[in-house]
Amino acid sequence: MAGNGGRRGAVRKGKKGPTTGSGGVRRRGLEGRGPTPKAEDRPAHKKHAAKKAVSGSAARGAAGRGGRQGGPRRGGAPQGSDQVAGRNAVLEALREDVPATALTVMHRIEADDRVREILRLAATRGLPVREATRTEIDRLTDDAVHQGVALTIPPYEYADLDELLKIAEDAFQAPLLIALDGITDPRNLGAILRSAGAFGAHGVILPERRSVSMTASVWKVAAGAAGRVRVAQVTNLNRALAELKSDGLFAVGLDADGDTTSRDIALGSEPVVLVVGAEGKGLSRLTREHCDQVVSIPMAEATESLNASVATSIALYEIAGRRASEGLR
């Protein structure tokens, strides 16, 4: 027996493949199982329980922030929509006929003159009005100071460059556009839109990346001007400037290190796009190279720089004055 057992053992050591009598059962049993799963993917392993706990916490956090993908936003607002919050802001938006899809009012709100006017204007426009709790409106507005009212506005429909040029053509005016290079503050964009409306600009151009976009905060600051001045969004600002220049426009950059001052914008009476850089950073190098002229705002030496919207307003005022003096307005 001992000798026979040793013989079988010797056969196993020297022979490759399945042993005699196995019929390849062990080999077939391993086929199709693939590599061993990671520890966190095996239910019996302690790392699996830790991964499950982290995933559950993340899911609860996303639900609390209204971050469910593919579904409606908190409070029933359509995905991609935005909220104008606060009684004064909502009232002004309705008076200026800002595009809106719904009005949300807090349950049992104390109605003052503003709330009554808001409800009247919403009814006149046929806007759906829904009641919600304070907590629901907090979530809907991302905890903004809403005072019990929120106005849902749809995603902004951007124009293209041809549309902005058509606006000037229909008005029989030389185009006056504003291109923003690196402006990220919505308050700056809102104020620039107000200045654009006040001084006769035909549109504003924003790059898609590293730039502010048309949000509820912009509508709030710009008020009615956001509905009167069209905004275009372009993939590449420098390419857009090159395209506008090929259409006969001059690019005038606004920068602290300008070649001349805003009081001497020689190209102001021509078809022009005013290019504005971010406060502190100014124009980017490539954008500055696309400008036919770079102007600065004359200031006292003690003042380091102006807010981008203020500088834009001053430059637009100078251009409007030059055009008026030459009878172009």
C-alpha atoms as a PDB file:
ATOM      1  CA  MET A   1       0.000   0.000   0.000  1.00  0.00           C
ATOM      2  CA  ALA A   2       2.750   2.385   0.889  1.00  0.00           C
ATOM      3  CA  GLY A   3       4.562   1.695  -2.325  1.00  0.00           C
ATOM      4  CA  ASN A   4       1.433   2.091  -4.389  1.00  0.00           C
ATOM      5  CA  GLY A   5       0.592   5.418  -2.715  1.00  0.00           C
ATOM      6  CA  GLY A   6       4.103   6.690  -3.419  1.00  0.00           C
ATOM      7  CA  ARG A   7       3.728   5.739  -7.080  1.00  0.00           C
ATOM      8  CA  ARG A   8       0.539   7.766  -7.439  1.00  0.00           C
ATOM      9  CA  GLY A   9       2.242  10.711  -5.757  1.00  0.00           C
ATOM     10  CA  ALA A  10       5.127  10.531  -8.206  1.00  0.00           C
ATOM     11  CA  VAL A  11       2.730  10.537 -11.145  1.00  0.00           C
ATOM     12  CA  ARG A  12       1.026  13.737  -9.884  1.00  0.00           C
ATOM     13  CA  LYS A  13       4.307  15.626  -9.520  1.00  0.00           C
ATOM     14  CA  GLY A  14       5.665  14.807 -12.918  1.00  0.00           C
ATOM     15  CA  LYS A  15       2.432  14.977 -14.960  1.00  0.00           C
ATOM     16  CA  LYS A  16       0.994  18.221 -16.311  1.00  0.00           C
ATOM     17  CA  GLY A  17      -2.701  18.922 -16.877  1.00  0.00           C
ATOM     18  CA  PRO A  18      -5.667  17.269 -15.098  1.00  0.00           C
ATOM     19  CA  THR A  19      -4.933  14.158 -13.041  1.00  0.00           C
ATOM     20  CA  THR A  20      -6.180  10.755 -14.020  1.00  0.00           C
ATOM     21  CA  GLY A  21      -9.862  10.340 -13.343  1.00  0.00           C
ATOM     22  CA  SER A  22     -10.641  14.064 -12.955  1.00  0.00           C
ATOM     23  CA  GLY A  23     -12.006  14.415 -16.495  1.00  0.00           C
ATOM     24  CA  GLY A  24     -11.043  18.103 -16.382  1.00  0.00           C
ATOM     25  CA  VAL A  25     -13.818  18.843 -13.881  1.00  0.00           C
ATOM     26  CA  ARG A  26     -11.677  21.199 -11.851  1.00  0.00           C
ATOM     27  CA  ARG A  27     -10.513  23.082 -14.957  1.00  0.00           C
ATOM     28  CA  ARG A  28     -14.066  23.499 -16.278  1.00  0.00           C
ATOM     29  CA  GLY A  29     -15.214  24.612 -12.863  1.00  0.00           C
ATOM     30  CA  LEU A  30     -12.809  27.555 -13.020  1.00  0.00           C
ATOM     31  CA  GLU A  31     -13.701  28.618 -16.568  1.00  0.00           C
ATOM     32  CA  GLY A  32     -15.708  31.855 -16.933  1.00  0.00           C
ATOM     33  CA  ARG A  33     -15.188  33.060 -13.372  1.00  0.00           C
ATOM     34  CA  GLY A  34     -12.629  35.692 -14.340  1.00  0.00           C
ATOM     35  CA  PRO A  35     -10.206  37.410 -11.952  1.00  0.00           C
ATOM     36  CA  THR A  36     -10.798  37.560  -8.235  1.00  0.00           C
ATOM     37  CA  PRO A  37     -13.044  40.555  -7.373  1.00  0.00           C
ATOM     38  CA  LYS A  38     -11.621  43.438  -5.366  1.00  0.00           C
ATOM     39  CA  ALA A  39     -12.058  43.281  -1.612  1.00  0.00           C
ATOM     40  CA  GLU A  40     -14.622  46.097  -1.573  1.00  0.00           C
ATOM     41  CA  ASP A  41     -16.727  44.244  -4.180  1.00  0.00           C
ATOM     42  CA  ARG A  42     -16.960  41.009  -2.162  1.00  0.00           C
ATOM     43  CA  PRO A  43     -20.036  41.052   0.144  1.00  0.00           C
ATOM     44  CA  ALA A  44     -18.302  38.992   2.828  1.00  0.00           C
ATOM     45  CA  HIS A  45     -15.337  41.350   3.122  1.00  0.00           C
ATOM     46  CA  LYS A  46     -15.271  44.193   5.672  1.00  0.00           C
ATOM     47  CA  LYS A  47     -14.232  46.696   2.981  1.00  0.00           C
ATOM     48  CA  HIS A  48     -17.509  46.016   1.155  1.00  0.00           C
ATOM     49  CA  ALA A  49     -19.496  47.278   4.145  1.00  0.00           C
ATOM     50  CA  ALA A  50     -17.327  50.431   4.356  1.00  0.00           C
ATOM     51  CA  LYS A  51     -17.834  51.155   0.638  1.00  0.00           C
ATOM     52  CA  LYS A  52     -21.599  50.678   0.974  1.00  0.00           C
ATOM     53  CA  ALA A  53     -21.749  53.097   3.902  1.00  0.00           C
ATOM     54  CA  VAL A  54     -19.809  55.776   1.972  1.00  0.00           C
ATOM     55  CA  SER A  55     -22.026  55.348  -1.113  1.00  0.00           C
ATOM     56  CA  GLY A  56     -25.168  55.689   0.981  1.00  0.00           C
ATOM     57  CA  SER A  57     -23.868  58.870   2.613  1.00  0.00           C
ATOM     58  CA  ALA A  58     -23.015  60.390  -0.787  1.00  0.00           C
ATOM     59  CA  ALA A  59     -26.458  59.532  -2.143  1.00  0.00           C
ATOM     60  CA  ARG A  60     -28.156  61.129   0.846  1.00  0.00           C
ATOM     61  CA  GLY A  61     -25.999  64.252   0.422  1.00  0.00           C
ATOM     62  CA  ALA A  62     -26.882  64.512  -3.265  1.00  0.00           C
ATOM     63  CA  ALA A  63     -30.575  64.161  -2.486  1.00  0.00           C
ATOM     64  CA  GLY A  64     -30.297  66.882   0.150  1.00  0.00           C
ATOM     65  CA  ARG A  65     -28.664  69.206  -2.380  1.00  0.00           C
ATOM     66  CA  GLY A  66     -31.219  68.423  -5.058  1.00  0.00           C
ATOM     67  CA  GLY A  67     -28.489  66.800  -7.124  1.00  0.00           C
ATOM     68  CA  ARG A  68     -30.367  63.804  -8.541  1.00  0.00           C
ATOM     69  CA  GLN A  69     -29.272  63.269 -12.092  1.00  0.00           C
ATOM     70  CA  GLY A  70     -31.878  62.998 -14.791  1.00  0.00           C
ATOM     71  CA  GLY A  71     -34.778  64.063 -12.563  1.00  0.00           C
ATOM     72  CA  PRO A  72     -36.544  67.312 -11.676  1.00  0.00           C
ATOM     73  CA  ARG A  73     -34.913  69.833  -9.396  1.00  0.00           C
ATOM     74  CA  ARG A  74     -36.065  70.335  -5.822  1.00  0.00           C
ATOM     75  CA  GLY A  75     -39.519  71.706  -5.383  1.00  0.00           C
ATOM     76  CA  GLY A  76     -40.593  70.550  -8.825  1.00  0.00           C
ATOM     77  CA  ALA A  77     -38.538  73.058 -10.856  1.00  0.00           C
ATOM     78  CA  PRO A  78     -37.478  71.706 -14.269  1.00  0.00           C
ATOM     79  CA  GLN A  79     -33.854  70.643 -14.579  1.00  0.00           C
ATOM     80  CA  GLY A  80     -31.700  73.500 -15.885  1.00  0.00           C
ATOM     81  CA  SER A  81     -34.059  76.216 -14.646  1.00  0.00           C
ATOM     82  CA  ASP A  82     -33.032  78.923 -12.181  1.00  0.00           C
ATOM     83  CA  GLN A  83     -34.710  80.933  -9.449  1.00  0.00           C
ATOM     84  CA  VAL A  84     -35.108  84.657  -8.857  1.00  0.00           C
ATOM     85  CA  ALA A  85     -35.675  84.997  -5.107  1.00  0.00           C
ATOM     86  CA  GLY A  86     -36.899  87.882  -2.938  1.00  0.00           C
ATOM     87  CA  ARG A  87     -39.938  90.119  -3.147  1.00  0.00           C
ATOM     88  CA  ASN A  88     -38.265  93.118  -4.756  1.00  0.00           C
ATOM     89  CA  ALA A  89     -36.316  91.000  -7.237  1.00  0.00           C
ATOM     90  CA  VAL A  90     -39.348  88.926  -8.262  1.00  0.00           C
ATOM     91  CA  LEU A  91     -41.557  91.990  -8.570  1.00  0.00           C
ATOM     92  CA  GLU A  92     -39.020  93.819 -10.745  1.00  0.00           C
ATOM     93  CA  ALA A  93     -38.541  90.731 -12.909  1.00  0.00           C
ATOM     94  CA  LEU A  94     -42.283  90.436 -13.504  1.00  0.00           C
ATOM     95  CA  ARG A  95     -42.625  94.144 -14.234  1.00  0.00           C
ATOM     96  CA  GLU A  96     -39.808  93.919 -16.782  1.00  0.00           C
ATOM     97  CA  ASP A  97     -41.440  90.874 -18.387  1.00  0.00           C
ATOM     98  CA  VAL A  98     -38.493  88.586 -17.655  1.00  0.00           C
ATOM     99  CA  PRO A  99     -39.219  85.116 -19.131  1.00  0.00           C
ATOM    100  CA  ALA A 100     -40.632  82.883 -16.389  1.00  0.00           C
ATOM    101  CA  THR A 101     -42.357  79.525 -16.133  1.00  0.00           C
ATOM    102  CA  ALA A 102     -43.775  79.475 -12.589  1.00  0.00           C
ATOM    103  CA  LEU A 103     -44.149  81.379  -9.336  1.00  0.00           C
ATOM    104  CA  THR A 104     -43.685  79.732  -5.937  1.00  0.00           C
ATOM    105  CA  VAL A 105     -45.222  81.386  -2.864  1.00  0.00           C
ATOM    106  CA  MET A 106     -44.796  80.316   0.743  1.00  0.00           C
ATOM    107  CA  HIS A 107     -47.862  78.807   2.384  1.00  0.00           C
ATOM    108  CA  ARG A 108     -49.705  81.369   4.538  1.00  0.00           C
ATOM    109  CA  ILE A 109     -47.394  84.188   3.500  1.00  0.00           C
ATOM    110  CA  GLU A 110     -48.032  87.620   5.007  1.00  0.00           C
ATOM    111  CA  ALA A 111     -49.120  89.497   1.911  1.00  0.00           C
ATOM    112  CA  ASP A 112     -47.911  93.081   1.653  1.00  0.00           C
ATOM    113  CA  ASP A 113     -48.316  95.392  -1.357  1.00  0.00           C
ATOM    114  CA  ARG A 114     -45.383  93.717  -3.145  1.00  0.00           C
ATOM    115  CA  VAL A 115     -46.783  90.207  -2.743  1.00  0.00           C
ATOM    116  CA  ARG A 116     -50.216  91.317  -3.947  1.00  0.00           C
ATOM    117  CA  GLU A 117     -48.623  92.980  -6.994  1.00  0.00           C
ATOM    118  CA  ILE A 118     -46.547  89.852  -7.672  1.00  0.00           C
ATOM    119  CA  LEU A 119     -49.651  87.665  -7.618  1.00  0.00           C
ATOM    120  CA  ARG A 120     -51.544  90.099  -9.847  1.00  0.00           C
ATOM    121  CA  LEU A 121     -48.754  90.210 -12.448  1.00  0.00           C
ATOM    122  CA  ALA A 122     -48.390  86.428 -12.369  1.00  0.00           C
ATOM    123  CA  ALA A 123     -52.109  86.047 -12.976  1.00  0.00           C
ATOM    124  CA  THR A 124     -51.980  88.563 -15.824  1.00  0.00           C
ATOM    125  CA  ARG A 125     -49.209  86.563 -17.495  1.00  0.00           C
ATOM    126  CA  GLY A 126     -50.948  83.256 -16.808  1.00  0.00           C
ATOM    127  CA  LEU A 127     -48.048  81.886 -14.761  1.00  0.00           C
ATOM    128  CA  PRO A 128     -48.692  78.765 -12.661  1.00  0.00           C
ATOM    129  CA  VAL A 129     -48.601  79.621  -8.951  1.00  0.00           C
ATOM    130  CA  ARG A 130     -47.816  76.919  -6.388  1.00  0.00           C
ATOM    131  CA  GLU A 131     -47.688  77.077  -2.617  1.00  0.00           C
ATOM    132  CA  ALA A 132     -44.776  75.545  -0.723  1.00  0.00           C
ATOM    133  CA  THR A 133     -43.402  75.414   2.778  1.00  0.00           C
ATOM    134  CA  ARG A 134     -40.489  77.577   3.851  1.00  0.00           C
ATOM    135  CA  THR A 135     -38.233  74.521   3.852  1.00  0.00           C
ATOM    136  CA  GLU A 136     -39.201  73.669   0.284  1.00  0.00           C
ATOM    137  CA  ILE A 137     -38.479  77.199  -0.911  1.00  0.00           C
ATOM    138  CA  ASP A 138     -35.171  77.178   0.989  1.00  0.00           C
ATOM    139  CA  ARG A 139     -34.190  74.110  -0.989  1.00  0.00           C
ATOM    140  CA  LEU A 140     -35.541  75.485  -4.253  1.00  0.00           C
ATOM    141  CA  THR A 141     -33.498  78.672  -3.950  1.00  0.00           C
ATOM    142  CA  ASP A 142     -30.365  77.124  -2.398  1.00  0.00           C
ATOM    143  CA  ASP A 143     -31.073  78.938   0.895  1.00  0.00           C
ATOM    144  CA  ALA A 144     -31.216  82.398  -0.675  1.00  0.00           C
ATOM    145  CA  VAL A 145     -33.079  85.228   1.088  1.00  0.00           C
ATOM    146  CA  HIS A 146     -36.389  84.582  -0.688  1.00  0.00           C
ATOM    147  CA  GLN A 147     -38.906  86.312   1.656  1.00  0.00           C
ATOM    148  CA  GLY A 148     -41.429  83.662   0.721  1.00  0.00           C
ATOM    149  CA  VAL A 149     -41.422  84.083  -3.077  1.00  0.00           C
ATOM    150  CA  ALA A 150     -39.396  82.594  -5.930  1.00  0.00           C
ATOM    151  CA  LEU A 151     -39.754  82.957  -9.680  1.00  0.00           C
ATOM    152  CA  THR A 152     -38.644  80.069 -11.897  1.00  0.00           C
ATOM    153  CA  ILE A 153     -36.943  81.201 -15.098  1.00  0.00           C
ATOM    154  CA  PRO A 154     -35.985  78.875 -17.963  1.00  0.00           C
ATOM    155  CA  PRO A 155     -32.422  78.365 -19.244  1.00  0.00           C
ATOM    156  CA  TYR A 156     -31.278  81.379 -21.232  1.00  0.00           C
ATOM    157  CA  GLU A 157     -31.437  81.047 -25.016  1.00  0.00           C
ATOM    158  CA  TYR A 158     -28.189  82.549 -26.272  1.00  0.00           C
ATOM    159  CA  ALA A 159     -27.965  84.423 -29.556  1.00  0.00           C
ATOM    160  CA  ASP A 160     -25.261  83.952 -32.177  1.00  0.00           C
ATOM    161  CA  LEU A 161     -22.970  86.620 -33.643  1.00  0.00           C
ATOM    162  CA  ASP A 162     -25.059  87.034 -36.790  1.00  0.00           C
ATOM    163  CA  GLU A 163     -28.119  87.826 -34.693  1.00  0.00           C
ATOM    164  CA  LEU A 164     -26.275  90.605 -32.847  1.00  0.00           C
ATOM    165  CA  LEU A 165     -25.112  92.110 -36.145  1.00  0.00           C
ATOM    166  CA  LYS A 166     -28.661  91.866 -37.513  1.00  0.00           C
ATOM    167  CA  ILE A 167     -29.957  93.896 -34.565  1.00  0.00           C
ATOM    168  CA  ALA A 168     -27.602  96.752 -35.514  1.00  0.00           C
ATOM    169  CA  GLU A 169     -28.475  96.406 -39.184  1.00  0.00           C
ATOM    170  CA  ASP A 170     -32.214  96.603 -38.514  1.00  0.00           C
ATOM    171  CA  ALA A 171     -31.622  99.781 -36.485  1.00  0.00           C
ATOM    172  CA  PHE A 172     -29.522 101.274 -39.329  1.00  0.00           C
ATOM    173  CA  GLN A 173     -26.637 101.761 -36.890  1.00  0.00           C
ATOM    174  CA  ALA A 174     -22.962 100.872 -36.849  1.00  0.00           C
ATOM    175  CA  PRO A 175     -22.616  97.746 -34.692  1.00  0.00           C
ATOM    176  CA  LEU A 176     -21.522  98.285 -31.100  1.00  0.00           C
ATOM    177  CA  LEU A 177     -20.838  95.001 -29.297  1.00  0.00           C
ATOM    178  CA  ILE A 178     -19.194  94.132 -25.980  1.00  0.00           C
ATOM    179  CA  ALA A 179     -16.997  91.051 -25.558  1.00  0.00           C
ATOM    180  CA  LEU A 180     -16.071  89.930 -22.043  1.00  0.00           C
ATOM    181  CA  ASP A 181     -12.713  88.246 -21.494  1.00  0.00           C
ATOM    182  CA  GLY A 182     -12.553  86.355 -18.191  1.00  0.00           C
ATOM    183  CA  ILE A 183     -15.432  88.091 -16.381  1.00  0.00           C
ATOM    184  CA  THR A 184     -16.728  85.625 -13.767  1.00  0.00           C
ATOM    185  CA  ASP A 185     -18.828  87.769 -11.409  1.00  0.00           C
ATOM    186  CA  PRO A 186     -22.569  87.711 -12.272  1.00  0.00           C
ATOM    187  CA  ARG A 187     -22.979  91.166 -10.717  1.00  0.00           C
ATOM    188  CA  ASN A 188     -20.458  92.544 -13.199  1.00  0.00           C
ATOM    189  CA  LEU A 189     -22.328  91.004 -16.113  1.00  0.00           C
ATOM    190  CA  GLY A 190     -25.653  92.311 -14.831  1.00  0.00           C
ATOM    191  CA  ALA A 191     -24.290  95.836 -14.477  1.00  0.00           C
ATOM    192  CA  ILE A 192     -22.641  95.657 -17.934  1.00  0.00           C
ATOM    193  CA  LEU A 193     -25.993  94.664 -19.458  1.00  0.00           C
ATOM    194  CA  ARG A 194     -27.607  97.713 -17.859  1.00  0.00           C
ATOM    195  CA  SER A 195     -24.885  99.975 -19.269  1.00  0.00           C
ATOM    196  CA  ALA A 196     -25.193  98.279 -22.664  1.00  0.00           C
ATOM    197  CA  GLY A 197     -28.905  99.062 -22.718  1.00  0.00           C
ATOM    198  CA  ALA A 198     -28.346 102.634 -21.568  1.00  0.00           C
ATOM    199  CA  PHE A 199     -25.694 103.491 -24.185  1.00  0.00           C
ATOM    200  CA  GLY A 200     -27.077 101.699 -27.205  1.00  0.00           C
ATOM    201  CA  ALA A 201     -24.933  98.562 -27.452  1.00  0.00           C
ATOM    202  CA  HIS A 202     -26.414  95.862 -29.676  1.00  0.00           C
ATOM    203  CA  GLY A 203     -25.250  92.823 -27.741  1.00  0.00           C
ATOM    204  CA  VAL A 204     -22.804  91.184 -25.352  1.00  0.00           C
ATOM    205  CA  ILE A 205     -20.514  88.237 -26.132  1.00  0.00           C
ATOM    206  CA  LEU A 206     -19.415  85.643 -23.560  1.00  0.00           C
ATOM    207  CA  PRO A 207     -17.025  82.707 -23.943  1.00  0.00           C
ATOM    208  CA  GLU A 208     -18.318  79.319 -22.829  1.00  0.00           C
ATOM    209  CA  ARG A 209     -15.369  78.539 -20.544  1.00  0.00           C
ATOM    210  CA  ARG A 210     -13.964  80.470 -17.577  1.00  0.00           C
ATOM    211  CA  SER A 211     -16.748  83.017 -17.810  1.00  0.00           C
ATOM    212  CA  VAL A 212     -19.957  84.015 -16.102  1.00  0.00           C
ATOM    213  CA  SER A 213     -23.175  82.897 -17.793  1.00  0.00           C
ATOM    214  CA  MET A 214     -26.761  84.129 -17.790  1.00  0.00           C
ATOM    215  CA  THR A 215     -28.071  83.078 -14.375  1.00  0.00           C
ATOM    216  CA  ALA A 216     -30.803  84.306 -12.056  1.00  0.00           C
ATOM    217  CA  SER A 217     -28.214  86.474 -10.283  1.00  0.00           C
ATOM    218  CA  VAL A 218     -27.504  88.255 -13.564  1.00  0.00           C
ATOM    219  CA  TRP A 219     -31.213  88.772 -14.242  1.00  0.00           C
ATOM    220  CA  LYS A 220     -31.597  90.220 -10.748  1.00  0.00           C
ATOM    221  CA  VAL A 221     -28.836  92.802 -11.219  1.00  0.00           C
ATOM    222  CA  ALA A 222     -29.610  93.613 -14.847  1.00  0.00           C
ATOM    223  CA  ALA A 223     -33.373  93.827 -14.269  1.00  0.00           C
ATOM    224  CA  GLY A 224     -35.088  94.759 -17.536  1.00  0.00           C
ATOM    225  CA  ALA A 225     -31.824  95.199 -19.463  1.00  0.00           C
ATOM    226  CA  ALA A 226     -31.330  91.417 -19.576  1.00  0.00           C
ATOM    227  CA  GLY A 227     -34.508  91.184 -21.618  1.00  0.00           C
ATOM    228  CA  ARG A 228     -33.574  94.040 -23.966  1.00  0.00           C
ATOM    229  CA  VAL A 229     -29.887  93.362 -24.664  1.00  0.00           C
ATOM    230  CA  ARG A 230     -29.141  90.042 -26.351  1.00  0.00           C
ATOM    231  CA  VAL A 231     -26.246  87.880 -25.165  1.00  0.00           C
ATOM    232  CA  ALA A 232     -24.273  85.514 -27.390  1.00  0.00           C
ATOM    233  CA  GLN A 233     -22.112  82.660 -26.127  1.00  0.00           C
ATOM    234  CA  VAL A 234     -19.147  81.512 -28.218  1.00  0.00           C
ATOM    235  CA  THR A 235     -16.839  78.522 -27.981  1.00  0.00           C
ATOM    236  CA  ASN A 236     -13.667  80.571 -28.494  1.00  0.00           C
ATOM    237  CA  LEU A 237     -13.562  84.323 -27.888  1.00  0.00           C
ATOM    238  CA  ASN A 238     -10.475  84.980 -30.006  1.00  0.00           C
ATOM    239  CA  ARG A 239     -11.972  83.106 -32.938  1.00  0.00           C
ATOM    240  CA  ALA A 240     -15.162  85.143 -32.545  1.00  0.00           C
ATOM    241  CA  LEU A 241     -13.176  88.389 -32.572  1.00  0.00           C
ATOM    242  CA  ALA A 242     -11.402  87.296 -35.746  1.00  0.00           C
ATOM    243  CA  GLU A 243     -14.762  86.526 -37.325  1.00  0.00           C
ATOM    244  CA  LEU A 244     -16.178  89.923 -36.366  1.00  0.00           C
ATOM    245  CA  LYS A 245     -13.103  91.679 -37.736  1.00  0.00           C
ATOM    246  CA  SER A 246     -13.561  89.847 -41.027  1.00  0.00           C
ATOM    247  CA  ASP A 247     -17.112  91.266 -41.053  1.00  0.00           C
ATOM    248  CA  GLY A 248     -15.724  94.804 -40.832  1.00  0.00           C
ATOM    249  CA  LEU A 249     -15.713  95.487 -37.091  1.00  0.00           C
ATOM    250  CA  PHE A 250     -12.765  96.934 -35.187  1.00  0.00           C
ATOM    251  CA  ALA A 251     -11.744  95.396 -31.859  1.00  0.00           C
ATOM    252  CA  VAL A 252     -11.064  97.958 -29.133  1.00  0.00           C
ATOM    253  CA  GLY A 253      -9.581  96.528 -25.937  1.00  0.00           C
ATOM    254  CA  LEU A 254     -10.133  98.084 -22.526  1.00  0.00           C
ATOM    255  CA  ASP A 255      -7.081  97.672 -20.302  1.00  0.00           C
ATOM    256  CA  ALA A 256      -5.145  99.625 -17.684  1.00  0.00           C
ATOM    257  CA  ASP A 257      -2.067  99.602 -19.950  1.00  0.00           C
ATOM    258  CA  GLY A 258      -3.776 101.101 -22.976  1.00  0.00           C
ATOM    259  CA  ASP A 259      -2.134 102.882 -25.869  1.00  0.00           C
ATOM    260  CA  THR A 260      -4.526 105.803 -25.457  1.00  0.00           C
ATOM    261  CA  THR A 261      -7.335 106.918 -23.158  1.00  0.00           C
ATOM    262  CA  SER A 262     -11.055 106.357 -23.479  1.00  0.00           C
ATOM    263  CA  ARG A 263     -11.441 110.071 -24.270  1.00  0.00           C
ATOM    264  CA  ASP A 264      -9.644 109.484 -27.546  1.00  0.00           C
ATOM    265  CA  ILE A 265     -11.323 106.351 -28.895  1.00  0.00           C
ATOM    266  CA  ALA A 266     -10.724 107.115 -32.535  1.00  0.00           C
ATOM    267  CA  LEU A 267     -12.537 103.957 -33.597  1.00  0.00           C
ATOM    268  CA  GLY A 268     -15.611 104.680 -31.492  1.00  0.00           C
ATOM    269  CA  SER A 269     -17.616 105.929 -34.446  1.00  0.00           C
ATOM    270  CA  GLU A 270     -16.795 102.820 -36.496  1.00  0.00           C
ATOM    271  CA  PRO A 271     -18.405  99.373 -36.261  1.00  0.00           C
ATOM    272  CA  VAL A 272     -16.726  98.204 -33.087  1.00  0.00           C
ATOM    273  CA  VAL A 273     -16.561  95.454 -30.498  1.00  0.00           C
ATOM    274  CA  LEU A 274     -15.386  96.664 -27.089  1.00  0.00           C
ATOM    275  CA  VAL A 275     -13.315  93.936 -25.415  1.00  0.00           C
ATOM    276  CA  VAL A 276     -13.263  94.050 -21.607  1.00  0.00           C
ATOM    277  CA  GLY A 277     -10.878  92.064 -19.398  1.00  0.00           C
ATOM    278  CA  ALA A 278     -11.313  90.949 -15.817  1.00  0.00           C
ATOM    279  CA  GLU A 279     -10.543  93.346 -12.994  1.00  0.00           C
ATOM    280  CA  GLY A 280      -6.934  92.949 -11.881  1.00  0.00           C
ATOM    281  CA  LYS A 281      -5.989  90.512 -14.669  1.00  0.00           C
ATOM    282  CA  GLY A 282      -6.950  92.673 -17.640  1.00  0.00           C
ATOM    283  CA  LEU A 283      -6.985  91.278 -21.163  1.00  0.00           C
ATOM    284  CA  SER A 284      -5.356  87.939 -21.862  1.00  0.00           C
ATOM    285  CA  ARG A 285      -2.317  88.040 -24.136  1.00  0.00           C
ATOM    286  CA  LEU A 286      -3.967  86.424 -27.161  1.00  0.00           C
ATOM    287  CA  THR A 287      -7.094  88.544 -26.847  1.00  0.00           C
ATOM    288  CA  ARG A 288      -5.022  91.733 -26.626  1.00  0.00           C
ATOM    289  CA  GLU A 289      -3.230  90.740 -29.839  1.00  0.00           C
ATOM    290  CA  HIS A 290      -6.587  90.640 -31.631  1.00  0.00           C
ATOM    291  CA  CYS A 291      -7.363  94.254 -30.652  1.00  0.00           C
ATOM    292  CA  ASP A 292      -6.848  97.055 -33.161  1.00  0.00           C
ATOM    293  CA  GLN A 293      -6.607  99.585 -30.341  1.00  0.00           C
ATOM    294  CA  VAL A 294      -6.228  99.315 -26.574  1.00  0.00           C
ATOM    295  CA  VAL A 295      -7.578 102.134 -24.424  1.00  0.00           C
ATOM    296  CA  SER A 296      -7.491 102.850 -20.706  1.00  0.00           C
ATOM    297  CA  ILE A 297      -9.624 104.952 -18.365  1.00  0.00           C
ATOM    298  CA  PRO A 298      -7.779 108.090 -17.156  1.00  0.00           C
ATOM    299  CA  MET A 299      -7.696 107.995 -13.352  1.00  0.00           C
ATOM    300  CA  ALA A 300      -5.942 109.569 -10.395  1.00  0.00           C
ATOM    301  CA  GLU A 301      -2.682 107.809  -9.541  1.00  0.00           C
ATOM    302  CA  ALA A 302      -3.986 106.777  -6.117  1.00  0.00           C
ATOM    303  CA  THR A 303      -6.678 104.590  -7.737  1.00  0.00           C
ATOM    304  CA  GLU A 304      -5.360 101.160  -8.699  1.00  0.00           C
ATOM    305  CA  SER A 305      -8.194  99.941 -10.921  1.00  0.00           C
ATOM    306  CA  LEU A 306     -11.896 100.210 -11.624  1.00  0.00           C
ATOM    307  CA  ASN A 307     -14.527  97.533 -11.412  1.00  0.00           C
ATOM    308  CA  ALA A 308     -14.984  95.937 -14.867  1.00  0.00           C
ATOM    309  CA  SER A 309     -18.600  97.057 -15.130  1.00  0.00           C
ATOM    310  CA  VAL A 310     -17.733 100.644 -14.169  1.00  0.00           C
ATOM    311  CA  ALA A 311     -14.898 100.792 -16.704  1.00  0.00           C
ATOM    312  CA  THR A 312     -17.198  99.385 -19.390  1.00  0.00           C
ATOM    313  CA  SER A 313     -19.844 101.984 -18.602  1.00  0.00           C
ATOM    314  CA  ILE A 314     -17.321 104.826 -18.935  1.00  0.00           C
ATOM    315  CA  ALA A 315     -15.999 103.508 -22.253  1.00  0.00           C
ATOM    316  CA  LEU A 316     -19.536 103.061 -23.626  1.00  0.00           C
ATOM    317  CA  TYR A 317     -20.367 106.614 -22.566  1.00  0.00           C
ATOM    318  CA  GLU A 318     -17.359 107.936 -24.470  1.00  0.00           C
ATOM    319  CA  ILE A 319     -18.255 105.917 -27.580  1.00  0.00           C
ATOM    320  CA  ALA A 320     -21.886 107.045 -27.420  1.00  0.00           C
ATOM    321  CA  GLY A 321     -20.748 110.670 -27.078  1.00  0.00           C
ATOM    322  CA  ARG A 322     -18.433 110.395 -30.090  1.00  0.00           C
ATOM    323  CA  ARG A 323     -21.166 108.831 -32.195  1.00  0.00           C
ATOM    324  CA  ALA A 324     -23.677 111.487 -31.163  1.00  0.00           C
ATOM    325  CA  SER A 325     -21.252 114.282 -32.031  1.00  0.00           C
ATOM    326  CA  GLU A 326     -20.831 112.819 -35.490  1.00  0.00           C
ATOM    327  CA  GLY A 327     -24.543 112.388 -35.997  1.00  0.00           C
ATOM    328  CA  LEU A 328     -24.408 108.599 -36.001  1.00  0.00           C
ATOM    329  CA  ARG A 329     -27.138 108.160 -33.394  1.00  0.00           C
END
